[in-house]
Structure formats: structure tokens, C-alpha cells
Amino acid sequence: MVVDDYVEDVLALVERIPPGRVMSYGAIADWVGRGGPRQVGAVMARYGGPVPWHRVVAANGRLPPGHETEALRRHAAEGTPMRGERVDMRLAAWYPPDLGHLRHL
């Protein structure tokens, strides 16, 4: 499997998201400094299995499409703030404390 720097950067950031917190696809793209929400979604769909994929959600708190049941289970176990079946982004959104290059984290 060939994984480029962008994929590694996205996955490294997702690994840093603390339990009970989330980042949106767009926020991840902003912090990585390239790509956009769709590119982050593609990375997560293809390579996200080994990382806490359920902590990556849409900007409105919607859970990963097709994986809602498992994501809800994981969020309940972590105590993630929810509003129904969506993450409460006001309470659960997380942003890294620094802007260092992700491969050095």
C-alpha cells in the first residue's frame, strides 16, 4: 500500500483527537493545510479503519455515513456530547493546541 504525505497527515491528526471529542472533515483539511472535506472523507473511507474514525464528523455533527450505528455506540462509550443522533459540535469540537507539522507530532 502506497500512502502519501497527505494521507499520513490526516491520519496522524485523527489519532490525536481525544476520546469524547470530534473534528469535522473541513476542520481537518484546514489544519492539514491542503485538500478539503471531500479529500479528508476519501482518506477516511480508504485508510481510516485503524484510527478513531468515529471522531471525524460532518460540520453539522452528522456521523460518518453508513457507519452511524457503530459510531453512536462508540460515542456513547466515550461520553461524547450528543444532540439526538448528531454530535453536539458546540461542546464536542476539538482543535489541536498547536500548528506544528503533523508528521512531527
C-alpha atoms as a PDB file:
ATOM      1  CA  MET A   1       0.000   0.000   0.000  1.00  0.00           C
ATOM      2  CA  VAL A   2       1.387   3.391  -1.018  1.00  0.00           C
ATOM      3  CA  VAL A   3       0.376   6.164   1.353  1.00  0.00           C
ATOM      4  CA  ASP A   4       1.363   9.745   0.577  1.00  0.00           C
ATOM      5  CA  ASP A   5       2.147  12.568   2.994  1.00  0.00           C
ATOM      6  CA  TYR A   6      -1.399  13.936   2.840  1.00  0.00           C
ATOM      7  CA  VAL A   7      -2.873  10.623   3.971  1.00  0.00           C
ATOM      8  CA  GLU A   8      -0.306  10.334   6.753  1.00  0.00           C
ATOM      9  CA  ASP A   9      -1.023  13.885   7.922  1.00  0.00           C
ATOM     10  CA  VAL A  10      -4.786  13.330   8.022  1.00  0.00           C
ATOM     11  CA  LEU A  11      -4.449  10.043   9.910  1.00  0.00           C
ATOM     12  CA  ALA A  12      -1.890  11.493  12.356  1.00  0.00           C
ATOM     13  CA  LEU A  13      -4.297  14.301  13.211  1.00  0.00           C
ATOM     14  CA  VAL A  14      -7.264  11.949  13.617  1.00  0.00           C
ATOM     15  CA  GLU A  15      -5.191   9.841  16.018  1.00  0.00           C
ATOM     16  CA  ARG A  16      -4.737  12.936  18.231  1.00  0.00           C
ATOM     17  CA  ILE A  17      -8.472  13.644  18.649  1.00  0.00           C
ATOM     18  CA  PRO A  18      -9.212  12.875  22.319  1.00  0.00           C
ATOM     19  CA  PRO A  19     -11.990  10.483  23.372  1.00  0.00           C
ATOM     20  CA  GLY A  20     -15.326  12.274  23.621  1.00  0.00           C
ATOM     21  CA  ARG A  21     -14.253  14.967  21.150  1.00  0.00           C
ATOM     22  CA  VAL A  22     -14.538  15.273  17.358  1.00  0.00           C
ATOM     23  CA  MET A  23     -13.263  17.218  14.356  1.00  0.00           C
ATOM     24  CA  SER A  24     -15.153  17.925  11.172  1.00  0.00           C
ATOM     25  CA  TYR A  25     -13.818  16.887   7.785  1.00  0.00           C
ATOM     26  CA  GLY A  26     -13.345  20.556   6.913  1.00  0.00           C
ATOM     27  CA  ALA A  27     -11.526  21.389  10.160  1.00  0.00           C
ATOM     28  CA  ILE A  28      -9.109  18.540   9.498  1.00  0.00           C
ATOM     29  CA  ALA A  29      -8.446  19.852   5.976  1.00  0.00           C
ATOM     30  CA  ASP A  30      -7.845  23.341   7.395  1.00  0.00           C
ATOM     31  CA  TRP A  31      -5.359  22.086   9.996  1.00  0.00           C
ATOM     32  CA  VAL A  32      -3.537  19.865   7.496  1.00  0.00           C
ATOM     33  CA  GLY A  33      -3.310  22.887   5.204  1.00  0.00           C
ATOM     34  CA  ARG A  34      -4.411  21.284   1.958  1.00  0.00           C
ATOM     35  CA  GLY A  35      -7.312  19.418   0.435  1.00  0.00           C
ATOM     36  CA  GLY A  36     -10.868  19.883   1.561  1.00  0.00           C
ATOM     37  CA  PRO A  37     -13.641  17.989   3.344  1.00  0.00           C
ATOM     38  CA  ARG A  38     -14.153  15.592   0.429  1.00  0.00           C
ATOM     39  CA  GLN A  39     -10.462  14.710   0.293  1.00  0.00           C
ATOM     40  CA  VAL A  40     -10.431  14.059   4.045  1.00  0.00           C
ATOM     41  CA  GLY A  41     -13.537  11.898   3.611  1.00  0.00           C
ATOM     42  CA  ALA A  42     -11.805   9.911   0.878  1.00  0.00           C
ATOM     43  CA  VAL A  43      -8.781   9.345   3.109  1.00  0.00           C
ATOM     44  CA  MET A  44     -11.003   8.214   5.964  1.00  0.00           C
ATOM     45  CA  ALA A  45     -13.016   5.892   3.723  1.00  0.00           C
ATOM     46  CA  ARG A  46      -9.921   4.226   2.319  1.00  0.00           C
ATOM     47  CA  TYR A  47      -7.426   4.281   5.192  1.00  0.00           C
ATOM     48  CA  GLY A  48      -9.333   5.287   8.343  1.00  0.00           C
ATOM     49  CA  GLY A  49     -10.077   1.860   9.798  1.00  0.00           C
ATOM     50  CA  PRO A  50      -7.109   1.726  12.205  1.00  0.00           C
ATOM     51  CA  VAL A  51      -7.670   5.244  13.635  1.00  0.00           C
ATOM     52  CA  PRO A  52     -10.640   6.527  15.706  1.00  0.00           C
ATOM     53  CA  TRP A  53     -12.683   7.198  12.545  1.00  0.00           C
ATOM     54  CA  HIS A  54     -15.887   7.844  14.512  1.00  0.00           C
ATOM     55  CA  ARG A  55     -14.344  11.088  15.828  1.00  0.00           C
ATOM     56  CA  VAL A  56     -14.488  12.596  12.311  1.00  0.00           C
ATOM     57  CA  VAL A  57     -17.922  14.006  11.550  1.00  0.00           C
ATOM     58  CA  ALA A  58     -19.645  16.487   9.258  1.00  0.00           C
ATOM     59  CA  ALA A  59     -19.601  20.145  10.330  1.00  0.00           C
ATOM     60  CA  ASN A  60     -23.231  19.810  11.451  1.00  0.00           C
ATOM     61  CA  GLY A  61     -22.395  16.832  13.706  1.00  0.00           C
ATOM     62  CA  ARG A  62     -23.687  14.152  11.342  1.00  0.00           C
ATOM     63  CA  LEU A  63     -21.951  10.818  11.871  1.00  0.00           C
ATOM     64  CA  PRO A  64     -19.973   9.000   9.147  1.00  0.00           C
ATOM     65  CA  PRO A  65     -22.483   7.835   6.513  1.00  0.00           C
ATOM     66  CA  GLY A  66     -23.123   4.105   6.575  1.00  0.00           C
ATOM     67  CA  HIS A  67     -21.486   3.721   9.989  1.00  0.00           C
ATOM     68  CA  GLU A  68     -23.951   5.609  12.161  1.00  0.00           C
ATOM     69  CA  THR A  69     -24.875   2.698  14.447  1.00  0.00           C
ATOM     70  CA  GLU A  70     -21.284   1.802  15.312  1.00  0.00           C
ATOM     71  CA  ALA A  71     -20.289   5.465  15.620  1.00  0.00           C
ATOM     72  CA  LEU A  72     -23.197   6.100  18.023  1.00  0.00           C
ATOM     73  CA  ARG A  73     -22.106   3.121  20.125  1.00  0.00           C
ATOM     74  CA  ARG A  74     -18.520   4.400  20.285  1.00  0.00           C
ATOM     75  CA  HIS A  75     -19.574   7.962  21.089  1.00  0.00           C
ATOM     76  CA  ALA A  76     -21.857   6.724  23.884  1.00  0.00           C
ATOM     77  CA  ALA A  77     -18.946   4.737  25.352  1.00  0.00           C
ATOM     78  CA  GLU A  78     -16.709   7.837  25.228  1.00  0.00           C
ATOM     79  CA  GLY A  79     -19.331  10.219  26.613  1.00  0.00           C
ATOM     80  CA  THR A  80     -19.302  12.450  23.539  1.00  0.00           C
ATOM     81  CA  PRO A  81     -21.878  15.271  23.873  1.00  0.00           C
ATOM     82  CA  MET A  82     -24.756  14.472  21.515  1.00  0.00           C
ATOM     83  CA  ARG A  83     -27.926  16.133  20.283  1.00  0.00           C
ATOM     84  CA  GLY A  84     -30.080  13.190  19.298  1.00  0.00           C
ATOM     85  CA  GLU A  85     -28.139  11.201  16.739  1.00  0.00           C
ATOM     86  CA  ARG A  86     -25.713  14.017  15.941  1.00  0.00           C
ATOM     87  CA  VAL A  87     -22.658  15.209  17.808  1.00  0.00           C
ATOM     88  CA  ASP A  88     -23.161  18.490  19.662  1.00  0.00           C
ATOM     89  CA  MET A  89     -20.428  20.404  17.830  1.00  0.00           C
ATOM     90  CA  ARG A  90     -20.625  23.348  20.233  1.00  0.00           C
ATOM     91  CA  LEU A  91     -19.483  21.085  23.085  1.00  0.00           C
ATOM     92  CA  ALA A  92     -17.520  18.340  21.322  1.00  0.00           C
ATOM     93  CA  ALA A  93     -15.483  20.094  18.609  1.00  0.00           C
ATOM     94  CA  TRP A  94     -11.737  19.831  19.228  1.00  0.00           C
ATOM     95  CA  TYR A  95      -8.836  21.676  17.652  1.00  0.00           C
ATOM     96  CA  PRO A  96      -5.170  20.818  18.153  1.00  0.00           C
ATOM     97  CA  PRO A  97      -3.336  23.146  20.542  1.00  0.00           C
ATOM     98  CA  ASP A  98      -0.562  23.844  18.019  1.00  0.00           C
ATOM     99  CA  LEU A  99       0.027  24.247  14.306  1.00  0.00           C
ATOM    100  CA  GLY A 100       3.211  22.161  14.083  1.00  0.00           C
ATOM    101  CA  HIS A 101       3.703  19.995  11.019  1.00  0.00           C
ATOM    102  CA  LEU A 102       1.675  16.853  11.667  1.00  0.00           C
ATOM    103  CA  ARG A 103       4.391  14.337  10.852  1.00  0.00           C
ATOM    104  CA  HIS A 104       6.412  15.744  13.751  1.00  0.00           C
ATOM    105  CA  LEU A 105       3.664  15.186  16.343  1.00  0.00           C
END
